[in-house]
Amino acid sequence: MTKNEALELLDDTDLDIQKVRDIFDNFIEDMEVVGMVAMNTSRRTSVYDSEKSRSEALISLLCDLSKSEDMGSRWAVAKNHLTPPDVLAYLAGDSVNLVRALVATNPNTPSHILNTLFSDEKIVRDGLSGNPNTPKKILKVLSDDRDKMVRLRVAENRSASKDILTSMLDDEDKDVAKAAEIKLKELP
């Protein structure tokens, strides 16, 4: 199979995952093909029906892609909701801040890893604000962040406690205050 044939096949998200795996194994040194493998895995996984796309072959491929020198491949794995927690823990130490930021947003990232990401760069910390697994003590700190979007994501976070949301009702930004009010009404 030629590189162009492989790239054409990878455009199909219905391509059998084992075929995707074979392409990855045959072109592992070609970062363009590896990047397309990562895109294929990303496009085939739906956040709405995660079990539909889950397979051992896909999980194995995500694990291998997490070690790629291609940053885009690691990025795709970091944001994938099927990525196993141990792979997310590995990517939490990535040299690229965007990869770490996507780990911070991934709901599969264990809370002990999220705790370590809080001391990271701003872009990484910002990713924590919308993650439902972010520990409440971190959400409390982020609820008072200077950045309106961080506060807004905290107000919309399903894990924000009543105390956090109540403290946000007086936010200087009306959108943040409104989001906190709406989320408070949804609480039991």
Protein backbone atom coordinates (compact mmCIF):
# COMPACT_ATOMS: atom_id res chain seq x y z
CA MET A 1 0.00 0.00 0.00
CA THR A 2 1.27 3.46 -0.88
CA LYS A 3 1.19 6.44 1.41
CA ASN A 4 -1.49 8.11 -0.71
CA GLU A 5 -3.65 5.00 -0.56
CA ALA A 6 -3.25 4.89 3.20
CA LEU A 7 -4.19 8.56 3.56
CA GLU A 8 -7.26 8.06 1.37
CA LEU A 9 -8.39 5.06 3.41
CA LEU A 10 -7.95 7.00 6.67
CA ASP A 11 -10.53 9.56 5.53
CA ASP A 12 -13.16 6.88 6.14
CA THR A 13 -14.21 6.77 9.80
CA ASP A 14 -16.01 3.50 9.12
CA LEU A 15 -12.74 1.85 8.11
CA ASP A 16 -12.24 -1.25 10.26
CA ILE A 17 -10.14 -0.29 13.28
CA GLN A 18 -7.79 -3.20 12.64
CA LYS A 19 -7.09 -1.76 9.17
CA VAL A 20 -6.37 1.60 10.81
CA ARG A 21 -4.01 -0.24 13.17
CA ASP A 22 -2.25 -1.94 10.24
CA ILE A 23 -1.76 1.41 8.50
CA PHE A 24 -0.33 2.86 11.71
CA ASP A 25 2.08 -0.05 12.11
CA ASN A 26 3.19 0.12 8.46
CA PHE A 27 3.71 3.90 8.41
CA ILE A 28 4.80 4.50 12.02
CA GLU A 29 7.74 6.67 10.90
CA ASP A 30 5.62 8.88 8.62
CA MET A 31 4.19 11.67 10.78
CA GLU A 32 1.63 12.70 8.14
CA VAL A 33 0.10 9.21 8.15
CA VAL A 34 0.38 8.95 11.94
CA GLY A 35 -1.43 12.28 12.21
CA MET A 36 -4.20 11.00 9.94
CA VAL A 37 -4.49 7.85 12.07
CA ALA A 38 -4.97 10.11 15.10
CA MET A 39 -7.59 12.16 13.23
CA ASN A 40 -9.40 8.99 12.22
CA THR A 41 -9.53 7.78 15.83
CA SER A 42 -10.70 11.19 16.96
CA ARG A 43 -13.48 11.49 14.38
CA ARG A 44 -14.80 7.97 14.97
CA THR A 45 -15.36 8.45 18.70
CA SER A 46 -18.56 10.18 19.66
CA VAL A 47 -19.04 11.72 23.07
CA TYR A 48 -22.72 10.89 22.72
CA ASP A 49 -22.24 7.16 22.14
CA SER A 50 -18.89 6.22 23.62
CA GLU A 51 -19.61 2.52 23.77
CA LYS A 52 -20.32 2.36 20.04
CA SER A 53 -16.72 3.13 19.14
CA ARG A 54 -14.95 1.51 22.11
CA SER A 55 -12.77 -1.49 21.29
CA GLU A 56 -9.56 -3.00 22.55
CA ALA A 57 -7.93 -2.21 19.19
CA LEU A 58 -8.90 1.46 19.48
CA ILE A 59 -7.68 1.71 23.07
CA SER A 60 -4.38 0.08 22.09
CA LEU A 61 -4.01 2.52 19.22
CA LEU A 62 -4.68 5.49 21.51
CA CYS A 63 -1.97 4.21 23.86
CA ASP A 64 0.55 3.98 21.03
CA LEU A 65 -0.42 7.36 19.57
CA SER A 66 0.19 8.98 22.97
CA LYS A 67 3.90 8.22 22.51
CA SER A 68 4.11 9.69 19.02
CA GLU A 69 6.54 12.50 18.32
CA ASP A 70 3.68 14.15 16.41
CA MET A 71 2.15 16.73 18.74
CA GLY A 72 -1.19 16.60 16.89
CA SER A 73 -1.45 12.89 17.59
CA ARG A 74 -0.82 13.39 21.31
CA TRP A 75 -3.32 16.26 21.25
CA ALA A 76 -5.98 13.99 19.71
CA VAL A 77 -5.34 11.32 22.35
CA ALA A 78 -5.39 13.83 25.23
CA LYS A 79 -8.86 15.07 24.29
CA ASN A 80 -10.33 11.66 23.45
CA HIS A 81 -12.93 10.60 26.02
CA LEU A 82 -11.96 6.94 25.50
CA THR A 83 -8.32 7.49 26.47
CA PRO A 84 -7.51 5.39 29.55
CA PRO A 85 -6.60 7.21 32.77
CA ASP A 86 -3.02 5.84 32.81
CA VAL A 87 -2.41 7.29 29.33
CA LEU A 88 -3.85 10.63 30.44
CA ALA A 89 -1.52 10.54 33.45
CA TYR A 90 1.39 10.00 31.05
CA LEU A 91 0.26 12.89 28.81
CA ALA A 92 -0.13 15.16 31.85
CA GLY A 93 3.68 15.35 31.78
CA ASP A 94 3.87 16.23 28.07
CA SER A 95 6.26 19.01 27.08
CA VAL A 96 3.52 20.78 25.07
CA ASN A 97 1.17 22.89 27.20
CA LEU A 98 -1.79 22.39 24.84
CA VAL A 99 -1.57 18.62 25.30
CA ARG A 100 -1.55 19.09 29.08
CA ALA A 101 -4.47 21.54 28.80
CA LEU A 102 -6.52 18.95 26.92
CA VAL A 103 -5.69 16.37 29.59
CA ALA A 104 -7.04 18.91 32.11
CA THR A 105 -10.35 19.07 30.21
CA ASN A 106 -10.75 15.32 29.73
CA PRO A 107 -13.41 13.88 32.07
CA ASN A 108 -11.47 10.60 32.27
CA THR A 109 -8.49 12.29 33.90
CA PRO A 110 -8.25 11.15 37.53
CA SER A 111 -8.64 13.86 40.16
CA HIS A 112 -5.14 13.26 41.58
CA ILE A 113 -3.72 14.16 38.14
CA LEU A 114 -5.99 17.20 37.93
CA ASN A 115 -4.58 18.32 41.29
CA THR A 116 -1.07 18.31 39.85
CA LEU A 117 -2.16 20.25 36.76
CA PHE A 118 -3.43 23.11 38.93
CA SER A 119 0.14 24.29 39.47
CA ASP A 120 0.81 24.29 35.70
CA GLU A 121 0.64 27.17 33.20
CA LYS A 122 -2.51 29.29 32.92
CA ILE A 123 -3.77 27.54 29.76
CA VAL A 124 -3.58 24.21 31.59
CA ARG A 125 -5.24 25.52 34.76
CA ASP A 126 -7.99 27.07 32.65
CA GLY A 127 -8.77 23.64 31.25
CA LEU A 128 -9.66 22.45 34.74
CA SER A 129 -12.59 24.84 35.14
CA GLY A 130 -15.04 22.81 33.05
CA ASN A 131 -13.92 19.31 33.99
CA PRO A 132 -16.51 17.59 36.20
CA ASN A 133 -13.72 15.64 37.93
CA THR A 134 -11.86 18.73 39.06
CA PRO A 135 -11.70 18.68 42.86
CA LYS A 136 -14.04 21.15 44.53
CA LYS A 137 -11.20 22.98 46.27
CA ILE A 138 -9.75 23.80 42.84
CA LEU A 139 -13.15 24.81 41.47
CA LYS A 140 -13.51 27.17 44.46
CA VAL A 141 -10.23 28.90 43.59
CA LEU A 142 -11.12 29.03 39.88
CA SER A 143 -14.55 30.52 40.68
CA ASP A 144 -12.69 33.71 41.62
CA ASP A 145 -10.33 33.71 38.61
CA ARG A 146 -9.68 37.00 36.78
CA ASP A 147 -10.71 35.41 33.49
CA LYS A 148 -14.47 35.59 32.87
CA MET A 149 -14.46 32.42 30.74
CA VAL A 150 -12.84 30.41 33.53
CA ARG A 151 -15.50 31.61 35.98
CA LEU A 152 -18.23 30.90 33.44
CA ARG A 153 -17.00 27.32 32.94
CA VAL A 154 -16.94 26.82 36.72
CA ALA A 155 -20.52 28.16 36.96
CA GLU A 156 -21.59 25.67 34.27
CA ASN A 157 -19.59 22.77 35.75
CA ARG A 158 -21.96 20.07 36.96
CA SER A 159 -19.65 19.43 39.91
CA ALA A 160 -19.69 22.99 41.23
CA SER A 161 -21.12 22.86 44.74
CA LYS A 162 -24.00 24.96 46.04
CA ASP A 163 -21.52 27.01 48.09
CA ILE A 164 -19.38 27.76 45.03
CA LEU A 165 -22.39 28.68 42.89
CA THR A 166 -23.89 30.85 45.62
CA SER A 167 -20.64 32.80 45.90
CA MET A 168 -20.77 33.39 42.14
CA LEU A 169 -24.23 34.99 42.16
CA ASP A 170 -22.64 38.38 42.79
CA ASP A 171 -20.03 38.01 40.05
CA GLU A 172 -19.12 41.28 38.35
CA ASP A 173 -19.99 39.70 35.01
CA LYS A 174 -23.74 39.24 34.49
CA ASP A 175 -23.24 36.13 32.30
CA VAL A 176 -21.29 34.38 35.05
CA ALA A 177 -23.85 35.36 37.69
CA LYS A 178 -26.71 34.16 35.45
CA ALA A 179 -24.96 30.83 34.75
CA ALA A 180 -24.48 30.29 38.48
CA GLU A 181 -28.16 31.12 39.11
CA ILE A 182 -29.30 28.65 36.44
CA LYS A 183 -27.04 25.89 37.76
CA LEU A 184 -28.24 26.50 41.33
CA LYS A 185 -31.83 25.95 40.20
CA GLU A 186 -30.82 22.60 38.70
CA LEU A 187 -29.39 21.33 41.98
CA PRO A 188 -31.52 18.93 44.02
